[in-house]
PDB file of N, CA and C in Angstrom:
ATOM      1  N   MET A   1       0.679  -0.906  -0.234  1.00  0.00           N
ATOM      2  CA  MET A   1      -0.041   0.025  -0.111  1.00  0.00           C
ATOM      3  C   MET A   1       0.822   1.222  -0.095  1.00  0.00           C
ATOM      4  N   SER A   2       0.798   2.747  -0.407  1.00  0.00           N
ATOM      5  CA  SER A   2       1.101   3.495  -0.556  1.00  0.00           C
ATOM      6  C   SER A   2       0.064   4.751   0.126  1.00  0.00           C
ATOM      7  N   PRO A   3       0.717   5.300   1.091  1.00  0.00           N
ATOM      8  CA  PRO A   3       1.974   5.462   1.547  1.00  0.00           C
ATOM      9  C   PRO A   3       2.381   4.175   2.681  1.00  0.00           C
ATOM     10  N   ARG A   4       3.928   4.184   2.362  1.00  0.00           N
ATOM     11  CA  ARG A   4       4.326   2.799   3.650  1.00  0.00           C
ATOM     12  C   ARG A   4       3.877   3.269   4.713  1.00  0.00           C
ATOM     13  N   SER A   5       3.350   2.252   5.613  1.00  0.00           N
ATOM     14  CA  SER A   5       3.086   3.091   6.994  1.00  0.00           C
ATOM     15  C   SER A   5       4.454   1.955   8.038  1.00  0.00           C
ATOM     16  N   LEU A   6       4.860   3.033   8.683  1.00  0.00           N
ATOM     17  CA  LEU A   6       5.998   2.497   9.572  1.00  0.00           C
ATOM     18  C   LEU A   6       5.721   1.612  10.979  1.00  0.00           C
ATOM     19  N   GLY A   7       4.368   2.224  11.225  1.00  0.00           N
ATOM     20  CA  GLY A   7       3.901   1.730  12.299  1.00  0.00           C
ATOM     21  C   GLY A   7       2.876   0.741  12.601  1.00  0.00           C
ATOM     22  N   ALA A   8       2.239   0.326  11.563  1.00  0.00           N
ATOM     23  CA  ALA A   8       1.158  -0.506  11.203  1.00  0.00           C
ATOM     24  C   ALA A   8       1.203  -1.573  10.538  1.00  0.00           C
ATOM     25  N   ARG A   9       0.928  -2.849  10.706  1.00  0.00           N
ATOM     26  CA  ARG A   9       1.067  -3.859   9.831  1.00  0.00           C
ATOM     27  C   ARG A   9      -0.132  -3.943   8.952  1.00  0.00           C
ATOM     28  N   LYS A  10       0.080  -4.546   7.631  1.00  0.00           N
ATOM     29  CA  LYS A  10      -1.107  -4.451   6.818  1.00  0.00           C
ATOM     30  C   LYS A  10      -0.971  -5.893   6.231  1.00  0.00           C
ATOM     31  N   LEU A  11      -2.030  -6.689   6.365  1.00  0.00           N
ATOM     32  CA  LEU A  11      -1.781  -8.038   6.075  1.00  0.00           C
ATOM     33  C   LEU A  11      -2.611  -8.292   4.629  1.00  0.00           C
ATOM     34  N   ASN A  12      -2.405  -9.079   3.816  1.00  0.00           N
ATOM     35  CA  ASN A  12      -2.879  -9.794   2.679  1.00  0.00           C
ATOM     36  C   ASN A  12      -3.359  -8.260   1.701  1.00  0.00           C
ATOM     37  N   VAL A  13      -2.425  -7.493   1.603  1.00  0.00           N
ATOM     38  CA  VAL A  13      -2.978  -6.365   0.948  1.00  0.00           C
ATOM     39  C   VAL A  13      -1.959  -6.247  -0.342  1.00  0.00           C
ATOM     40  N   LEU A  14      -2.486  -6.139  -1.603  1.00  0.00           N
ATOM     41  CA  LEU A  14      -2.013  -6.048  -2.648  1.00  0.00           C
ATOM     42  C   LEU A  14      -2.282  -4.985  -3.526  1.00  0.00           C
ATOM     43  N   GLY A  15      -1.415  -4.424  -4.315  1.00  0.00           N
ATOM     44  CA  GLY A  15      -1.747  -3.153  -5.202  1.00  0.00           C
ATOM     45  C   GLY A  15      -0.311  -2.318  -5.515  1.00  0.00           C
ATOM     46  N   GLY A  16      -0.931  -1.295  -6.025  1.00  0.00           N
ATOM     47  CA  GLY A  16       0.380  -0.226  -6.375  1.00  0.00           C
ATOM     48  C   GLY A  16       1.311  -0.530  -6.917  1.00  0.00           C
ATOM     49  N   TRP A  17       2.516  -0.181  -7.379  1.00  0.00           N
ATOM     50  CA  TRP A  17       3.582  -0.228  -8.236  1.00  0.00           C
ATOM     51  C   TRP A  17       4.114  -2.066  -8.254  1.00  0.00           C
ATOM     52  N   ARG A  18       3.736  -2.776  -7.175  1.00  0.00           N
ATOM     53  CA  ARG A  18       4.252  -4.126  -7.276  1.00  0.00           C
ATOM     54  C   ARG A  18       3.244  -5.158  -7.786  1.00  0.00           C
ATOM     55  N   TRP A  19       2.074  -4.457  -8.347  1.00  0.00           N
ATOM     56  CA  TRP A  19       1.136  -5.243  -8.499  1.00  0.00           C
ATOM     57  C   TRP A  19       0.620  -4.590 -10.270  1.00  0.00           C
ATOM     58  N   ARG A  20       1.647  -4.320 -11.138  1.00  0.00           N
ATOM     59  CA  ARG A  20       1.677  -3.735 -12.505  1.00  0.00           C
ATOM     60  C   ARG A  20       1.808  -4.657 -13.262  1.00  0.00           C
ATOM     61  N   GLU A  21       2.442  -6.015 -13.270  1.00  0.00           N
ATOM     62  CA  GLU A  21       2.701  -7.066 -14.386  1.00  0.00           C
ATOM     63  C   GLU A  21       1.597  -8.061 -14.578  1.00  0.00           C
ATOM     64  N   GLY A  22       1.312  -8.378 -15.847  1.00  0.00           N
ATOM     65  CA  GLY A  22       0.735  -9.257 -16.173  1.00  0.00           C
ATOM     66  C   GLY A  22       0.753 -10.504 -15.564  1.00  0.00           C
ATOM     67  N   ASN A  23       0.077 -11.656 -15.466  1.00  0.00           N
ATOM     68  CA  ASN A  23       0.039 -12.800 -15.361  1.00  0.00           C
ATOM     69  C   ASN A  23       0.595 -12.995 -13.516  1.00  0.00           C
ATOM     70  N   GLN A  24       0.342 -12.361 -12.722  1.00  0.00           N
ATOM     71  CA  GLN A  24       0.754 -12.202 -11.234  1.00  0.00           C
ATOM     72  C   GLN A  24      -0.301 -12.772 -10.512  1.00  0.00           C
ATOM     73  N   SER A  25       0.237 -13.328  -9.570  1.00  0.00           N
ATOM     74  CA  SER A  25      -1.098 -14.317  -8.747  1.00  0.00           C
ATOM     75  C   SER A  25      -0.634 -14.156  -7.318  1.00  0.00           C
ATOM     76  N   VAL A  26      -1.590 -14.130  -6.607  1.00  0.00           N
ATOM     77  CA  VAL A  26      -1.362 -14.767  -5.033  1.00  0.00           C
ATOM     78  C   VAL A  26      -2.127 -15.597  -4.428  1.00  0.00           C
ATOM     79  N   SER A  27      -1.749 -16.308  -3.490  1.00  0.00           N
ATOM     80  CA  SER A  27      -2.672 -17.657  -3.206  1.00  0.00           C
ATOM     81  C   SER A  27      -2.411 -17.732  -1.587  1.00  0.00           C
ATOM     82  N   TRP A  28      -3.792 -17.853  -1.037  1.00  0.00           N
ATOM     83  CA  TRP A  28      -4.143 -17.974   0.030  1.00  0.00           C
ATOM     84  C   TRP A  28      -4.540 -19.487   0.535  1.00  0.00           C
ATOM     85  N   GLY A  29      -3.943 -20.093   1.642  1.00  0.00           N
ATOM     86  CA  GLY A  29      -4.461 -21.539   2.094  1.00  0.00           C
ATOM     87  C   GLY A  29      -5.344 -21.160   3.235  1.00  0.00           C
ATOM     88  N   PHE A  30      -6.369 -22.431   3.053  1.00  0.00           N
ATOM     89  CA  PHE A  30      -7.330 -22.132   4.188  1.00  0.00           C
ATOM     90  C   PHE A  30      -7.980 -23.682   4.365  1.00  0.00           C
ATOM     91  N   THR A  31      -8.734 -23.709   5.507  1.00  0.00           N
ATOM     92  CA  THR A  31      -9.056 -25.066   6.211  1.00  0.00           C
ATOM     93  C   THR A  31     -10.616 -25.114   5.779  1.00  0.00           C
ATOM     94  N   VAL A  32     -11.175 -26.097   5.416  1.00  0.00           N
ATOM     95  CA  VAL A  32     -12.793 -26.221   5.116  1.00  0.00           C
ATOM     96  C   VAL A  32     -12.856 -27.359   6.419  1.00  0.00           C
ATOM     97  N   PRO A  33     -13.731 -27.007   7.329  1.00  0.00           N
ATOM     98  CA  PRO A  33     -14.131 -27.623   8.628  1.00  0.00           C
ATOM     99  C   PRO A  33     -14.737 -29.018   8.059  1.00  0.00           C
ATOM    100  N   GLU A  34     -15.742 -29.271   7.206  1.00  0.00           N
ATOM    101  CA  GLU A  34     -16.556 -30.282   6.680  1.00  0.00           C
ATOM    102  C   GLU A  34     -16.721 -30.140   5.042  1.00  0.00           C
ATOM    103  N   ASP A  35     -17.259 -31.279   4.595  1.00  0.00           N
ATOM    104  CA  ASP A  35     -17.653 -31.207   3.028  1.00  0.00           C
ATOM    105  C   ASP A  35     -19.094 -30.114   3.050  1.00  0.00           C
ATOM    106  N   GLY A  36     -19.159 -29.544   1.956  1.00  0.00           N
ATOM    107  CA  GLY A  36     -20.368 -28.806   1.897  1.00  0.00           C
ATOM    108  C   GLY A  36     -20.050 -27.864   0.544  1.00  0.00           C
ATOM    109  N   LEU A  37     -21.551 -27.218   0.414  1.00  0.00           N
ATOM    110  CA  LEU A  37     -20.898 -25.715  -0.426  1.00  0.00           C
ATOM    111  C   LEU A  37     -20.740 -24.578   0.519  1.00  0.00           C
ATOM    112  N   TYR A  38     -19.768 -23.807  -0.373  1.00  0.00           N
ATOM    113  CA  TYR A  38     -19.752 -22.766   0.507  1.00  0.00           C
ATOM    114  C   TYR A  38     -19.247 -21.338  -0.351  1.00  0.00           C
ATOM    115  N   ALA A  39     -20.010 -20.176   0.082  1.00  0.00           N
ATOM    116  CA  ALA A  39     -19.924 -18.984  -0.344  1.00  0.00           C
ATOM    117  C   ALA A  39     -18.606 -18.497  -0.086  1.00  0.00           C
ATOM    118  N   VAL A  40     -17.774 -17.468  -1.427  1.00  0.00           N
ATOM    119  CA  VAL A  40     -16.406 -16.891  -0.937  1.00  0.00           C
ATOM    120  C   VAL A  40     -16.218 -15.553  -1.345  1.00  0.00           C
ATOM    121  N   GLY A  41     -15.979 -14.867  -0.533  1.00  0.00           N
ATOM    122  CA  GLY A  41     -15.913 -13.584  -1.166  1.00  0.00           C
ATOM    123  C   GLY A  41     -14.352 -12.935  -0.766  1.00  0.00           C
ATOM    124  N   PHE A  42     -14.298 -11.649  -1.102  1.00  0.00           N
ATOM    125  CA  PHE A  42     -12.982 -10.690  -0.687  1.00  0.00           C
ATOM    126  C   PHE A  42     -13.522  -9.435  -0.157  1.00  0.00           C
ATOM    127  N   LYS A  43     -12.628  -8.554   0.511  1.00  0.00           N
ATOM    128  CA  LYS A  43     -12.641  -7.507   0.817  1.00  0.00           C
ATOM    129  C   LYS A  43     -11.728  -6.720   0.059  1.00  0.00           C
ATOM    130  N   VAL A  44     -12.143  -6.064  -0.802  1.00  0.00           N
ATOM    131  CA  VAL A  44     -11.392  -5.318  -2.128  1.00  0.00           C
ATOM    132  C   VAL A  44     -11.828  -3.656  -1.997  1.00  0.00           C
ATOM    133  N   LEU A  45     -10.535  -3.030  -2.572  1.00  0.00           N
ATOM    134  CA  LEU A  45     -10.550  -1.658  -2.709  1.00  0.00           C
ATOM    135  C   LEU A  45      -9.874  -1.666  -4.241  1.00  0.00           C
ATOM    136  N   LEU A  46     -10.377  -1.180  -5.204  1.00  0.00           N
ATOM    137  CA  LEU A  46      -9.988  -0.922  -6.740  1.00  0.00           C
ATOM    138  C   LEU A  46      -9.577   0.621  -6.719  1.00  0.00           C
ATOM    139  N   TRP A  47      -8.593   0.492  -7.122  1.00  0.00           N
ATOM    140  CA  TRP A  47      -7.734   2.081  -7.565  1.00  0.00           C
ATOM    141  C   TRP A  47      -8.015   2.231  -9.314  1.00  0.00           C
ATOM    142  N   THR A  48      -9.060   1.773  -9.672  1.00  0.00           N
ATOM    143  CA  THR A  48      -8.925   1.496 -11.185  1.00  0.00           C
ATOM    144  C   THR A  48      -9.887   2.780 -11.793  1.00  0.00           C
ATOM    145  N   GLU A  49     -10.114   3.884 -11.107  1.00  0.00           N
ATOM    146  CA  GLU A  49     -10.973   5.143 -11.399  1.00  0.00           C
ATOM    147  C   GLU A  49     -11.834   4.563 -12.231  1.00  0.00           C
ATOM    148  N   GLY A  50     -13.051   3.619 -11.996  1.00  0.00           N
ATOM    149  CA  GLY A  50     -14.123   3.688 -12.685  1.00  0.00           C
ATOM    150  C   GLY A  50     -14.431   2.228 -13.351  1.00  0.00           C
ATOM    151  N   LEU A  51     -13.251   1.533 -13.565  1.00  0.00           N
ATOM    152  CA  LEU A  51     -13.052   0.530 -14.290  1.00  0.00           C
ATOM    153  C   LEU A  51     -13.023  -0.913 -13.448  1.00  0.00           C
ATOM    154  N   PRO A  52     -13.712  -2.170 -14.015  1.00  0.00           N
ATOM    155  CA  PRO A  52     -13.483  -3.019 -13.370  1.00  0.00           C
ATOM    156  C   PRO A  52     -12.386  -3.921 -13.478  1.00  0.00           C
ATOM    157  N   VAL A  53     -11.841  -5.031 -12.689  1.00  0.00           N
ATOM    158  CA  VAL A  53     -10.447  -5.170 -12.753  1.00  0.00           C
ATOM    159  C   VAL A  53     -10.919  -6.945 -12.605  1.00  0.00           C
ATOM    160  N   TYR A  54     -10.340  -7.527 -13.795  1.00  0.00           N
ATOM    161  CA  TYR A  54     -10.515  -9.052 -14.298  1.00  0.00           C
ATOM    162  C   TYR A  54      -9.443  -9.695 -13.691  1.00  0.00           C
ATOM    163  N   ARG A  55      -9.938 -11.025 -12.850  1.00  0.00           N
ATOM    164  CA  ARG A  55      -9.022 -11.795 -12.626  1.00  0.00           C
ATOM    165  C   ARG A  55      -9.330 -13.354 -12.538  1.00  0.00           C
ATOM    166  N   ARG A  56      -8.295 -14.173 -12.669  1.00  0.00           N
ATOM    167  CA  ARG A  56      -8.760 -15.693 -12.821  1.00  0.00           C
ATOM    168  C   ARG A  56      -8.852 -15.847 -11.199  1.00  0.00           C
ATOM    169  N   ILE A  57      -9.546 -17.262 -11.053  1.00  0.00           N
ATOM    170  CA  ILE A  57      -9.762 -17.269  -9.973  1.00  0.00           C
ATOM    171  C   ILE A  57      -9.834 -18.826 -10.015  1.00  0.00           C
ATOM    172  N   GLU A  58      -8.933 -19.322  -9.039  1.00  0.00           N
ATOM    173  CA  GLU A  58      -8.576 -20.852  -9.131  1.00  0.00           C
ATOM    174  C   GLU A  58      -8.724 -21.485  -7.633  1.00  0.00           C
ATOM    175  N   ILE A  59      -9.261 -22.918  -7.488  1.00  0.00           N
ATOM    176  CA  ILE A  59      -9.396 -23.526  -6.349  1.00  0.00           C
ATOM    177  C   ILE A  59      -8.391 -24.571  -6.516  1.00  0.00           C
ATOM    178  N   ASP A  60      -7.464 -24.672  -5.721  1.00  0.00           N
ATOM    179  CA  ASP A  60      -6.862 -26.216  -5.876  1.00  0.00           C
ATOM    180  C   ASP A  60      -5.812 -26.329  -7.188  1.00  0.00           C
ATOM    181  N   GLY A  61      -5.483 -25.145  -7.822  1.00  0.00           N
ATOM    182  CA  GLY A  61      -4.900 -25.039  -9.363  1.00  0.00           C
ATOM    183  C   GLY A  61      -5.861 -25.219 -10.449  1.00  0.00           C
ATOM    184  N   GLU A  62      -7.043 -25.137 -10.045  1.00  0.00           N
ATOM    185  CA  GLU A  62      -8.141 -25.321 -11.493  1.00  0.00           C
ATOM    186  C   GLU A  62      -9.230 -24.214 -11.264  1.00  0.00           C
ATOM    187  N   VAL A  63      -9.702 -23.614 -12.333  1.00  0.00           N
ATOM    188  CA  VAL A  63     -10.390 -22.945 -12.419  1.00  0.00           C
ATOM    189  C   VAL A  63     -12.096 -23.897 -12.326  1.00  0.00           C
ATOM    190  N   PRO A  64     -12.727 -23.769 -11.158  1.00  0.00           N
ATOM    191  CA  PRO A  64     -13.981 -24.481 -10.975  1.00  0.00           C
ATOM    192  C   PRO A  64     -15.197 -24.611 -11.976  1.00  0.00           C
ATOM    193  N   PHE A  65     -15.305 -23.246 -12.723  1.00  0.00           N
ATOM    194  CA  PHE A  65     -16.417 -23.108 -14.018  1.00  0.00           C
ATOM    195  C   PHE A  65     -15.815 -21.741 -14.704  1.00  0.00           C
ATOM    196  N   ALA A  66     -16.327 -21.767 -15.800  1.00  0.00           N
ATOM    197  CA  ALA A  66     -15.915 -20.544 -16.790  1.00  0.00           C
ATOM    198  C   ALA A  66     -16.291 -19.546 -15.999  1.00  0.00           C
ATOM    199  N   GLU A  67     -16.816 -19.221 -15.646  1.00  0.00           N
ATOM    200  CA  GLU A  67     -17.256 -17.847 -14.723  1.00  0.00           C
ATOM    201  C   GLU A  67     -15.730 -17.064 -14.332  1.00  0.00           C
ATOM    202  N   PHE A  68     -15.298 -18.115 -13.590  1.00  0.00           N
ATOM    203  CA  PHE A  68     -13.985 -17.789 -12.807  1.00  0.00           C
ATOM    204  C   PHE A  68     -12.761 -17.454 -13.762  1.00  0.00           C
ATOM    205  N   ALA A  69     -12.681 -17.823 -15.222  1.00  0.00           N
ATOM    206  CA  ALA A  69     -11.540 -17.767 -15.973  1.00  0.00           C
ATOM    207  C   ALA A  69     -11.046 -16.338 -16.329  1.00  0.00           C
ATOM    208  N   SER A  70     -12.473 -15.350 -16.015  1.00  0.00           N
ATOM    209  CA  SER A  70     -12.006 -13.848 -16.110  1.00  0.00           C
ATOM    210  C   SER A  70     -12.989 -13.253 -15.279  1.00  0.00           C
ATOM    211  N   TYR A  71     -12.900 -13.253 -13.967  1.00  0.00           N
ATOM    212  CA  TYR A  71     -13.912 -12.883 -12.829  1.00  0.00           C
ATOM    213  C   TYR A  71     -13.968 -11.136 -12.722  1.00  0.00           C
ATOM    214  N   PRO A  72     -14.932 -10.638 -13.085  1.00  0.00           N
ATOM    215  CA  PRO A  72     -14.795  -9.096 -12.993  1.00  0.00           C
ATOM    216  C   PRO A  72     -14.901  -8.949 -11.575  1.00  0.00           C
ATOM    217  N   PHE A  73     -14.028  -7.818 -10.900  1.00  0.00           N
ATOM    218  CA  PHE A  73     -14.326  -7.258  -9.753  1.00  0.00           C
ATOM    219  C   PHE A  73     -14.830  -5.465  -9.980  1.00  0.00           C
ATOM    220  N   GLN A  74     -15.937  -5.367  -9.442  1.00  0.00           N
ATOM    221  CA  GLN A  74     -16.155  -3.851  -9.822  1.00  0.00           C
ATOM    222  C   GLN A  74     -15.815  -2.905  -9.144  1.00  0.00           C
ATOM    223  N   TYR A  75     -15.493  -1.654  -9.832  1.00  0.00           N
ATOM    224  CA  TYR A  75     -15.076  -0.615  -9.324  1.00  0.00           C
ATOM    225  C   TYR A  75     -16.165  -0.101  -7.838  1.00  0.00           C
ATOM    226  N   ASP A  76     -15.684   0.631  -7.028  1.00  0.00           N
ATOM    227  CA  ASP A  76     -15.907   1.423  -5.941  1.00  0.00           C
ATOM    228  C   ASP A  76     -15.215   2.098  -5.106  1.00  0.00           C
ATOM    229  N   LYS A  77     -15.212   3.027  -4.945  1.00  0.00           N
ATOM    230  CA  LYS A  77     -14.184   4.086  -4.422  1.00  0.00           C
ATOM    231  C   LYS A  77     -13.810   3.658  -2.881  1.00  0.00           C
ATOM    232  N   TRP A  78     -14.862   2.879  -2.148  1.00  0.00           N
ATOM    233  CA  TRP A  78     -14.838   2.522  -0.616  1.00  0.00           C
ATOM    234  C   TRP A  78     -14.756   0.820  -1.001  1.00  0.00           C
ATOM    235  N   TRP A  79     -14.090   0.684   0.273  1.00  0.00           N
ATOM    236  CA  TRP A  79     -13.400  -1.014   0.637  1.00  0.00           C
ATOM    237  C   TRP A  79     -15.055  -1.480   0.423  1.00  0.00           C
ATOM    238  N   GLN A  80     -15.235  -2.718  -0.064  1.00  0.00           N
ATOM    239  CA  GLN A  80     -16.388  -3.614  -0.232  1.00  0.00           C
ATOM    240  C   GLN A  80     -15.948  -5.060  -0.128  1.00  0.00           C
ATOM    241  N   MET A  81     -17.487  -5.736   0.397  1.00  0.00           N
ATOM    242  CA  MET A  81     -16.932  -7.026   0.347  1.00  0.00           C
ATOM    243  C   MET A  81     -17.669  -7.479  -0.927  1.00  0.00           C
ATOM    244  N   ALA A  82     -16.900  -8.228  -1.879  1.00  0.00           N
ATOM    245  CA  ALA A  82     -17.207  -8.588  -2.952  1.00  0.00           C
ATOM    246  C   ALA A  82     -17.188 -10.023  -2.742  1.00  0.00           C
ATOM    247  N   MET A  83     -18.507 -10.731  -2.431  1.00  0.00           N
ATOM    248  CA  MET A  83     -18.825 -11.789  -3.213  1.00  0.00           C
ATOM    249  C   MET A  83     -19.078 -12.688  -4.411  1.00  0.00           C
ATOM    250  N   LEU A  84     -18.213 -13.807  -4.569  1.00  0.00           N
ATOM    251  CA  LEU A  84     -18.143 -14.051  -5.811  1.00  0.00           C
ATOM    252  C   LEU A  84     -19.625 -14.695  -6.301  1.00  0.00           C
ATOM    253  N   GLY A  85     -20.063 -14.342  -7.363  1.00  0.00           N
ATOM    254  CA  GLY A  85     -21.426 -14.410  -7.545  1.00  0.00           C
ATOM    255  C   GLY A  85     -21.566 -13.573  -8.865  1.00  0.00           C
ATOM    256  N   ASP A  86     -22.972 -13.670  -9.209  1.00  0.00           N
ATOM    257  CA  ASP A  86     -23.417 -13.207 -10.862  1.00  0.00           C
ATOM    258  C   ASP A  86     -24.159 -11.986 -10.416  1.00  0.00           C
ATOM    259  N   GLY A  87     -24.319 -11.071  -9.233  1.00  0.00           N
ATOM    260  CA  GLY A  87     -24.623  -9.892  -8.903  1.00  0.00           C
ATOM    261  C   GLY A  87     -26.076 -10.072  -8.095  1.00  0.00           C
ATOM    262  N   ASN A  88     -26.734 -11.165  -8.232  1.00  0.00           N
ATOM    263  CA  ASN A  88     -27.892 -11.524  -7.817  1.00  0.00           C
ATOM    264  C   ASN A  88     -27.547 -12.454  -6.803  1.00  0.00           C
ATOM    265  N   THR A  89     -26.863 -13.809  -7.015  1.00  0.00           N
ATOM    266  CA  THR A  89     -26.843 -14.759  -6.233  1.00  0.00           C
ATOM    267  C   THR A  89     -25.431 -15.349  -6.044  1.00  0.00           C
ATOM    268  N   ASP A  90     -24.795 -15.238  -4.937  1.00  0.00           N
ATOM    269  CA  ASP A  90     -23.590 -15.949  -4.661  1.00  0.00           C
ATOM    270  C   ASP A  90     -23.537 -17.195  -5.482  1.00  0.00           C
ATOM    271  N   TYR A  91     -22.185 -17.478  -5.913  1.00  0.00           N
ATOM    272  CA  TYR A  91     -21.864 -18.780  -6.376  1.00  0.00           C
ATOM    273  C   TYR A  91     -21.450 -19.773  -5.073  1.00  0.00           C
ATOM    274  N   LEU A  92     -21.820 -20.786  -4.860  1.00  0.00           N
ATOM    275  CA  LEU A  92     -21.584 -22.048  -4.038  1.00  0.00           C
ATOM    276  C   LEU A  92     -20.375 -22.761  -4.487  1.00  0.00           C
ATOM    277  N   LEU A  93     -19.245 -23.107  -3.997  1.00  0.00           N
ATOM    278  CA  LEU A  93     -18.399 -23.701  -4.186  1.00  0.00           C
ATOM    279  C   LEU A  93     -18.477 -24.970  -3.259  1.00  0.00           C
ATOM    280  N   HIS A  94     -18.488 -26.340  -3.979  1.00  0.00           N
ATOM    281  CA  HIS A  94     -18.097 -27.718  -3.496  1.00  0.00           C
ATOM    282  C   HIS A  94     -16.806 -27.792  -2.874  1.00  0.00           C
ATOM    283  N   LEU A  95     -16.796 -27.862  -1.730  1.00  0.00           N
ATOM    284  CA  LEU A  95     -15.447 -28.167  -1.013  1.00  0.00           C
ATOM    285  C   LEU A  95     -15.362 -29.066   0.013  1.00  0.00           C
ATOM    286  N   THR A  96     -14.133 -30.026  -0.027  1.00  0.00           N
ATOM    287  CA  THR A  96     -13.900 -31.140   0.635  1.00  0.00           C
ATOM    288  C   THR A  96     -13.374 -30.683   2.193  1.00  0.00           C
ATOM    289  N   ARG A  97     -14.001 -31.660   3.048  1.00  0.00           N
ATOM    290  CA  ARG A  97     -13.149 -30.935   4.265  1.00  0.00           C
ATOM    291  C   ARG A  97     -11.534 -31.182   4.192  1.00  0.00           C
ATOM    292  N   GLY A  98     -10.637 -30.352   4.724  1.00  0.00           N
ATOM    293  CA  GLY A  98      -9.452 -29.984   4.732  1.00  0.00           C
ATOM    294  C   GLY A  98      -8.701 -28.900   4.197  1.00  0.00           C
ATOM    295  N   GLU A  99      -7.228 -28.982   3.497  1.00  0.00           N
ATOM    296  CA  GLU A  99      -6.724 -27.931   3.347  1.00  0.00           C
ATOM    297  C   GLU A  99      -7.038 -27.731   1.861  1.00  0.00           C
ATOM    298  N   HIS A 100      -6.852 -26.488   1.327  1.00  0.00           N
ATOM    299  CA  HIS A 100      -7.505 -26.030  -0.038  1.00  0.00           C
ATOM    300  C   HIS A 100      -6.524 -24.397  -0.182  1.00  0.00           C
ATOM    301  N   THR A 101      -6.438 -24.192  -1.430  1.00  0.00           N
ATOM    302  CA  THR A 101      -5.790 -23.279  -1.809  1.00  0.00           C
ATOM    303  C   THR A 101      -6.483 -22.330  -2.956  1.00  0.00           C
ATOM    304  N   ILE A 102      -6.873 -21.184  -2.679  1.00  0.00           N
ATOM    305  CA  ILE A 102      -7.239 -20.073  -3.657  1.00  0.00           C
ATOM    306  C   ILE A 102      -6.513 -19.212  -3.874  1.00  0.00           C
ATOM    307  N   THR A 103      -6.626 -18.976  -5.609  1.00  0.00           N
ATOM    308  CA  THR A 103      -5.268 -17.950  -5.956  1.00  0.00           C
ATOM    309  C   THR A 103      -6.334 -17.323  -7.205  1.00  0.00           C
TER     310      THR A 103
END
C-alpha cells in the first residue's frame, strides 16, 4: 500500500507499483471444516478509476467453472465485500474437508 506505514502492519494487501505486471497471482491457504457448499468473498478496494478489474480465480490449481476464468471485480471508491457471484446470487463452491488453496 502507499504510502508506506512504518507503524502499522497490513496483512493480505496487494496493489500499487508491485502489482503492475501481467500474469501475477497470489494464493491463500485455508482449511474447510466439513464437506459442503461454500460462498466465497474478498474484501476489496479498487483504484482503477471506475473500471472493473478482471482476475482468474483458481481453487486448488483449477478454475472451478467458466465464470472464474476472467472474473470481474467492480469498481467502488470504498472498501467492499465482494462475494463471488453473478450480482444476484452468490456462487456456491463444493469444497471437501481439509486444506485448500485459492489463487
